[in-house]
C-alpha atoms as a PDB file:
ATOM      1  CA  MET A   1      96.285 138.164 186.177  1.00  0.00           C
ATOM      2  CA  GLY A   2      93.714 135.374 185.440  1.00  0.00           C
ATOM      3  CA  TYR A   3      94.264 132.251 183.041  1.00  0.00           C
ATOM      4  CA  TYR A   4      92.080 133.981 180.313  1.00  0.00           C
ATOM      5  CA  ASP A   5      93.813 137.159 180.610  1.00  0.00           C
ATOM      6  CA  LEU A   6      96.865 135.493 179.249  1.00  0.00           C
ATOM      7  CA  SER A   7      97.473 135.018 175.253  1.00  0.00           C
ATOM      8  CA  PRO A   8      96.898 131.776 173.745  1.00  0.00           C
ATOM      9  CA  ILE A   9     100.486 131.259 173.701  1.00  0.00           C
ATOM     10  CA  GLN A  10     100.989 132.165 177.335  1.00  0.00           C
ATOM     11  CA  ARG A  11      97.999 129.733 178.520  1.00  0.00           C
ATOM     12  CA  LYS A  12      99.628 126.952 176.473  1.00  0.00           C
ATOM     13  CA  GLN A  13     103.109 127.826 178.006  1.00  0.00           C
ATOM     14  CA  LEU A  14     101.385 127.926 181.604  1.00  0.00           C
ATOM     15  CA  TYR A  15      99.670 124.449 180.942  1.00  0.00           C
ATOM     16  CA  GLU A  16     102.844 122.787 179.927  1.00  0.00           C
ATOM     17  CA  GLN A  17     104.459 124.155 182.953  1.00  0.00           C
ATOM     18  CA  MET A  18     101.747 123.019 185.198  1.00  0.00           C
ATOM     19  CA  GLN A  19     102.024 119.450 183.731  1.00  0.00           C
ATOM     20  CA  ASN A  20     105.693 119.338 184.185  1.00  0.00           C
ATOM     21  CA  ASN A  21     105.380 120.591 187.800  1.00  0.00           C
ATOM     22  CA  ILE A  22     102.706 118.281 188.580  1.00  0.00           C
ATOM     23  CA  ILE A  23     104.770 115.134 186.995  1.00  0.00           C
ATOM     24  CA  ARG A  24     107.919 116.333 188.952  1.00  0.00           C
ATOM     25  CA  ASN A  25     105.598 116.484 192.201  1.00  0.00           C
ATOM     26  CA  LEU A  26     104.213 112.840 191.390  1.00  0.00           C
ATOM     27  CA  LYS A  27     107.653 111.351 190.839  1.00  0.00           C
ATOM     28  CA  GLU A  28     109.112 112.850 194.075  1.00  0.00           C
ATOM     29  CA  ASN A  29     106.048 111.354 196.090  1.00  0.00           C
ATOM     30  CA  LYS A  30     105.075 115.005 196.993  1.00  0.00           C
ATOM     31  CA  ALA A  31     101.594 116.858 196.637  1.00  0.00           C
ATOM     32  CA  ASP A  32     102.591 120.607 197.484  1.00  0.00           C
ATOM     33  CA  ILE A  33     102.512 121.901 193.941  1.00  0.00           C
ATOM     34  CA  ILE A  34      99.502 119.825 193.037  1.00  0.00           C
ATOM     35  CA  MET A  35      97.480 121.107 196.212  1.00  0.00           C
ATOM     36  CA  SER A  36      98.594 124.573 195.118  1.00  0.00           C
ATOM     37  CA  HIS A  37      97.037 124.291 191.834  1.00  0.00           C
ATOM     38  CA  ALA A  38      94.108 122.510 193.138  1.00  0.00           C
ATOM     39  CA  SER A  39      93.260 125.425 195.690  1.00  0.00           C
ATOM     40  CA  ASP A  40      93.898 128.232 193.250  1.00  0.00           C
ATOM     41  CA  PRO A  41      91.416 130.895 193.182  1.00  0.00           C
ATOM     42  CA  ASP A  42      91.406 130.853 189.311  1.00  0.00           C
ATOM     43  CA  THR A  43      88.701 128.305 188.184  1.00  0.00           C
ATOM     44  CA  TYR A  44      90.883 127.669 184.860  1.00  0.00           C
ATOM     45  CA  ILE A  45      93.956 126.858 186.960  1.00  0.00           C
ATOM     46  CA  ARG A  46      91.826 124.265 188.890  1.00  0.00           C
ATOM     47  CA  LYS A  47      90.274 122.777 185.788  1.00  0.00           C
ATOM     48  CA  ASN A  48      93.729 122.323 184.087  1.00  0.00           C
ATOM     49  CA  CYS A  49      94.954 120.746 187.380  1.00  0.00           C
ATOM     50  CA  SER A  50      92.186 118.125 187.264  1.00  0.00           C
ATOM     51  CA  LEU A  51      92.538 117.928 183.318  1.00  0.00           C
ATOM     52  CA  ILE A  52      96.201 117.144 183.867  1.00  0.00           C
ATOM     53  CA  LEU A  53      95.794 114.377 186.570  1.00  0.00           C
ATOM     54  CA  GLY A  54      93.055 112.683 184.523  1.00  0.00           C
ATOM     55  CA  ARG A  55      95.066 112.538 181.328  1.00  0.00           C
ATOM     56  CA  LEU A  56      98.430 111.366 182.973  1.00  0.00           C
ATOM     57  CA  TYR A  57      96.438 108.663 184.955  1.00  0.00           C
ATOM     58  CA  ASN A  58      94.842 107.673 181.505  1.00  0.00           C
ATOM     59  CA  ASP A  59      97.929 107.791 179.414  1.00  0.00           C
ATOM     60  CA  ASP A  60     100.841 106.746 181.757  1.00  0.00           C
ATOM     61  CA  GLU A  61     100.596 103.706 183.637  1.00  0.00           C
ATOM     62  CA  GLY A  62     103.961 104.456 185.467  1.00  0.00           C
ATOM     63  CA  LEU A  63     101.976 107.386 187.226  1.00  0.00           C
ATOM     64  CA  ARG A  64      98.811 105.642 188.073  1.00  0.00           C
ATOM     65  CA  LYS A  65      99.919 104.645 191.692  1.00  0.00           C
ATOM     66  CA  PRO A  66     101.189 108.039 192.730  1.00  0.00           C
ATOM     67  CA  ILE A  67      98.158 109.774 191.188  1.00  0.00           C
ATOM     68  CA  SER A  68      96.012 107.444 193.101  1.00  0.00           C
ATOM     69  CA  GLU A  69      97.740 108.138 196.387  1.00  0.00           C
ATOM     70  CA  VAL A  70      97.806 111.959 195.792  1.00  0.00           C
ATOM     71  CA  ILE A  71      94.141 111.761 194.960  1.00  0.00           C
ATOM     72  CA  ASP A  72      93.331 109.939 198.346  1.00  0.00           C
ATOM     73  CA  LYS A  73      95.297 112.975 200.167  1.00  0.00           C
ATOM     74  CA  LEU A  74      93.357 115.564 198.278  1.00  0.00           C
ATOM     75  CA  SER A  75      90.005 113.873 199.087  1.00  0.00           C
ATOM     76  CA  VAL A  76      90.334 114.570 202.673  1.00  0.00           C
ATOM     77  CA  SER A  77      91.450 118.210 202.504  1.00  0.00           C
ATOM     78  CA  GLU A  78      89.593 120.726 204.461  1.00  0.00           C
ATOM     79  CA  ASN A  79      89.729 123.223 201.593  1.00  0.00           C
ATOM     80  CA  GLU A  80      86.577 122.643 199.344  1.00  0.00           C
ATOM     81  CA  LYS A  81      88.487 123.886 196.230  1.00  0.00           C
ATOM     82  CA  ILE A  82      90.918 120.943 196.564  1.00  0.00           C
ATOM     83  CA  ARG A  83      87.971 118.425 197.115  1.00  0.00           C
ATOM     84  CA  LEU A  84      86.260 119.738 193.954  1.00  0.00           C
ATOM     85  CA  THR A  85      89.245 119.668 191.784  1.00  0.00           C
ATOM     86  CA  THR A  86      89.870 116.076 193.066  1.00  0.00           C
ATOM     87  CA  VAL A  87      86.126 115.247 192.064  1.00  0.00           C
ATOM     88  CA  TYR A  88      86.703 116.840 188.534  1.00  0.00           C
ATOM     89  CA  ALA A  89      90.164 114.836 188.331  1.00  0.00           C
ATOM     90  CA  LEU A  90      88.069 111.581 189.217  1.00  0.00           C
ATOM     91  CA  GLY A  91      85.837 112.303 186.521  1.00  0.00           C
ATOM     92  CA  GLU A  92      88.575 112.714 183.915  1.00  0.00           C
ATOM     93  CA  ILE A  93      89.920 109.305 184.872  1.00  0.00           C
ATOM     94  CA  GLY A  94      86.435 107.685 185.080  1.00  0.00           C
ATOM     95  CA  LYS A  95      85.675 108.489 181.475  1.00  0.00           C
ATOM     96  CA  ASN A  96      88.024 105.693 180.521  1.00  0.00           C
ATOM     97  CA  ASN A  97      88.584 103.807 183.778  1.00  0.00           C
ATOM     98  CA  PHE A  98      85.431 103.956 186.099  1.00  0.00           C
ATOM     99  CA  ARG A  99      86.807 100.974 188.278  1.00  0.00           C
ATOM    100  CA  ALA A 100      89.718 103.010 189.203  1.00  0.00           C
ATOM    101  CA  VAL A 101      87.413 105.622 190.618  1.00  0.00           C
ATOM    102  CA  GLU A 102      84.165 104.407 191.967  1.00  0.00           C
ATOM    103  CA  GLN A 103      85.336 103.457 195.491  1.00  0.00           C
ATOM    104  CA  LYS A 104      87.060 107.040 195.723  1.00  0.00           C
ATOM    105  CA  LEU A 105      83.818 108.640 194.575  1.00  0.00           C
ATOM    106  CA  GLU A 106      81.885 107.118 197.439  1.00  0.00           C
ATOM    107  CA  LYS A 107      83.897 109.311 199.796  1.00  0.00           C
ATOM    108  CA  PHE A 108      82.317 112.519 198.258  1.00  0.00           C
ATOM    109  CA  LEU A 109      78.607 111.175 198.854  1.00  0.00           C
ATOM    110  CA  THR A 110      78.515 112.697 202.393  1.00  0.00           C
ATOM    111  CA  ASP A 111      80.274 115.835 201.271  1.00  0.00           C
ATOM    112  CA  SER A 112      78.609 118.783 203.063  1.00  0.00           C
ATOM    113  CA  HIS A 113      79.892 121.670 200.540  1.00  0.00           C
ATOM    114  CA  HIS A 114      77.643 122.775 197.805  1.00  0.00           C
ATOM    115  CA  SER A 115      80.520 123.580 195.311  1.00  0.00           C
ATOM    116  CA  VAL A 116      81.768 119.914 195.963  1.00  0.00           C
ATOM    117  CA  LYS A 117      78.259 118.449 195.409  1.00  0.00           C
ATOM    118  CA  ASN A 118      78.069 120.215 191.960  1.00  0.00           C
ATOM    119  CA  ALA A 119      81.399 118.777 191.152  1.00  0.00           C
ATOM    120  CA  LEU A 120      80.138 115.349 191.595  1.00  0.00           C
ATOM    121  CA  THR A 121      77.361 116.404 189.319  1.00  0.00           C
ATOM    122  CA  GLY A 122      79.597 117.737 186.675  1.00  0.00           C
ATOM    123  CA  ALA A 123      81.958 114.597 186.934  1.00  0.00           C
ATOM    124  CA  LEU A 124      78.788 112.193 186.446  1.00  0.00           C
ATOM    125  CA  LYS A 125      77.842 114.030 183.302  1.00  0.00           C
ATOM    126  CA  GLN A 126      81.336 113.653 181.877  1.00  0.00           C
ATOM    127  CA  MET A 127      81.669 109.970 182.601  1.00  0.00           C
ATOM    128  CA  GLY A 128      78.039 109.249 182.079  1.00  0.00           C
ATOM    129  CA  GLU A 129      78.356 110.367 178.667  1.00  0.00           C
ATOM    130  CA  LYS A 130      81.691 108.408 177.631  1.00  0.00           C
ATOM    131  CA  ASN A 131      81.349 105.448 179.710  1.00  0.00           C
ATOM    132  CA  PRO A 132      77.597 104.966 180.775  1.00  0.00           C
ATOM    133  CA  GLU A 133      77.262 101.340 181.638  1.00  0.00           C
ATOM    134  CA  PRO A 134      79.492 101.192 184.754  1.00  0.00           C
ATOM    135  CA  VAL A 135      78.432 104.764 185.906  1.00  0.00           C
ATOM    136  CA  PHE A 136      74.746 103.970 185.825  1.00  0.00           C
ATOM    137  CA  HIS A 137      75.589 100.762 187.601  1.00  0.00           C
ATOM    138  CA  TRP A 138      77.376 102.751 190.330  1.00  0.00           C
ATOM    139  CA  ALA A 139      74.834 105.497 190.560  1.00  0.00           C
ATOM    140  CA  LYS A 140      71.980 102.972 191.310  1.00  0.00           C
ATOM    141  CA  LYS A 141      73.794 101.708 194.202  1.00  0.00           C
ATOM    142  CA  ALA A 142      74.818 105.133 195.520  1.00  0.00           C
ATOM    143  CA  MET A 143      71.173 106.432 195.294  1.00  0.00           C
ATOM    144  CA  ASN A 144      70.161 103.587 197.651  1.00  0.00           C
ATOM    145  CA  SER A 145      72.455 104.839 200.502  1.00  0.00           C
ATOM    146  CA  CYS A 146      72.891 108.621 199.890  1.00  0.00           C
ATOM    147  CA  ASN A 147      70.906 111.409 201.524  1.00  0.00           C
ATOM    148  CA  PRO A 148      68.056 112.904 199.438  1.00  0.00           C
ATOM    149  CA  ASP A 149      70.007 116.060 198.316  1.00  0.00           C
ATOM    150  CA  MET A 150      72.910 113.752 197.089  1.00  0.00           C
ATOM    151  CA  ARG A 151      70.426 111.565 195.114  1.00  0.00           C
ATOM    152  CA  LYS A 152      69.034 114.428 193.542  1.00  0.00           C
ATOM    153  CA  ARG A 153      72.335 115.631 192.311  1.00  0.00           C
ATOM    154  CA  ILE A 154      73.310 111.946 191.287  1.00  0.00           C
ATOM    155  CA  LEU A 155      70.202 112.018 188.870  1.00  0.00           C
ATOM    156  CA  HIS A 156      71.112 115.567 187.715  1.00  0.00           C
ATOM    157  CA  GLY A 157      74.425 114.076 186.832  1.00  0.00           C
ATOM    158  CA  LEU A 158      72.999 111.186 184.562  1.00  0.00           C
ATOM    159  CA  GLU A 159      70.514 113.401 182.793  1.00  0.00           C
ATOM    160  CA  LEU A 160      73.038 114.503 180.102  1.00  0.00           C
ATOM    161  CA  ARG A 161      73.355 110.635 178.864  1.00  0.00           C
ATOM    162  CA  GLY A 162      69.717 110.204 179.563  1.00  0.00           C
ATOM    163  CA  ARG A 163      68.901 113.054 176.821  1.00  0.00           C
ATOM    164  CA  SER A 164      70.507 110.873 174.179  1.00  0.00           C
ATOM    165  CA  HIS A 165      69.764 107.825 175.346  1.00  0.00           C
ATOM    166  CA  PRO A 166      66.437 107.911 177.478  1.00  0.00           C
ATOM    167  CA  GLU A 167      66.119 104.128 177.438  1.00  0.00           C
ATOM    168  CA  GLU A 168      68.949 103.761 179.798  1.00  0.00           C
ATOM    169  CA  LEU A 169      67.543 106.374 182.304  1.00  0.00           C
ATOM    170  CA  LEU A 170      63.801 105.733 182.220  1.00  0.00           C
ATOM    171  CA  PRO A 171      64.057 102.310 184.109  1.00  0.00           C
ATOM    172  CA  ILE A 172      66.234 104.054 186.739  1.00  0.00           C
ATOM    173  CA  LEU A 173      63.563 106.653 187.142  1.00  0.00           C
ATOM    174  CA  LYS A 174      60.938 104.213 187.255  1.00  0.00           C
ATOM    175  CA  ASN A 175      62.372 102.349 190.094  1.00  0.00           C
ATOM    176  CA  ILE A 176      63.041 105.432 192.165  1.00  0.00           C
ATOM    177  CA  ILE A 177      59.359 106.480 191.756  1.00  0.00           C
ATOM    178  CA  GLN A 178      58.169 103.139 192.836  1.00  0.00           C
ATOM    179  CA  GLY A 179      59.946 103.779 195.971  1.00  0.00           C
ATOM    180  CA  ASN A 180      58.090 106.822 197.042  1.00  0.00           C
ATOM    181  CA  PRO A 181      60.890 109.442 196.836  1.00  0.00           C
ATOM    182  CA  ASP A 182      61.274 112.337 198.855  1.00  0.00           C
ATOM    183  CA  LYS A 183      60.174 115.945 197.466  1.00  0.00           C
ATOM    184  CA  LYS A 184      63.607 117.108 196.056  1.00  0.00           C
ATOM    185  CA  THR A 185      63.940 113.774 194.154  1.00  0.00           C
ATOM    186  CA  ARG A 186      60.468 113.795 192.623  1.00  0.00           C
ATOM    187  CA  GLY A 187      61.433 117.374 191.660  1.00  0.00           C
ATOM    188  CA  MET A 188      64.616 116.161 189.894  1.00  0.00           C
ATOM    189  CA  ILE A 189      62.936 113.443 188.193  1.00  0.00           C
ATOM    190  CA  VAL A 190      60.105 115.777 186.927  1.00  0.00           C
ATOM    191  CA  HIS A 191      62.945 117.990 185.564  1.00  0.00           C
ATOM    192  CA  ILE A 192      64.600 115.122 183.939  1.00  0.00           C
ATOM    193  CA  ILE A 193      61.428 113.591 182.235  1.00  0.00           C
ATOM    194  CA  GLY A 194      60.748 117.134 180.930  1.00  0.00           C
ATOM    195  CA  GLN A 195      64.116 117.055 179.337  1.00  0.00           C
ATOM    196  CA  ILE A 196      63.877 113.809 177.615  1.00  0.00           C
ATOM    197  CA  SER A 197      60.409 113.600 176.839  1.00  0.00           C
ATOM    198  CA  TYR A 198      60.697 114.423 173.233  1.00  0.00           C
ATOM    199  CA  LYS A 199      63.270 111.766 172.677  1.00  0.00           C
ATOM    200  CA  ARG A 200      62.398 108.672 170.869  1.00  0.00           C
ATOM    201  CA  VAL A 201      62.901 105.484 173.123  1.00  0.00           C
ATOM    202  CA  PRO A 202      63.675 102.370 171.104  1.00  0.00           C
ATOM    203  CA  GLY A 203      60.679 100.271 170.881  1.00  0.00           C
ATOM    204  CA  ASP A 204      58.090 103.355 170.992  1.00  0.00           C
ATOM    205  CA  SER A 205      56.084 103.526 167.899  1.00  0.00           C
ATOM    206  CA  ALA A 206      55.360 107.329 168.071  1.00  0.00           C
ATOM    207  CA  GLN A 207      57.705 110.406 169.062  1.00  0.00           C
ATOM    208  CA  ARG A 208      57.183 111.620 172.348  1.00  0.00           C
ATOM    209  CA  ALA A 209      55.453 115.024 172.597  1.00  0.00           C
END
């Protein structure tokens, strides 16, 4: 039975049970329960795991160190589901405290699994919307060293913020274009410009077509 096969009350109970089990795991300096949730076949169980880790980190200073240590363990798992859950947990933390996750995110710039790459894009969307300044600063540095496929995915992760604040993203796109980017990157730039071209950029006198 999947998570959304449960009633709303049952889902709430399961979430609370997961949270209590994760807290116990952290306090006992263990990771078995967390790894079980992070690798669950049900997408929503994995999602709840990342949400819980992120919220606990942001809300409980006493759990930050054990959560950071667990994330380091999960980051090197051979199971791609665990790694993608870890990336989303970093995204939840980075909404409020990007400095705590920026180095940990760099581990995933060379990940070869498509689902983990997609998770990085999703995490950047989450963080970029809520905490854009450090996220954009990190992304500019990361795109200078990562491979073309990951560069494309990072750009895609910045798109959401760029839709509402194109003035923040356009200078990054201009800089990349001037560097004669590869075909994948050019394609993503064209896509992003198409998404934000109708937005008014501060200082422009006319609405973009």
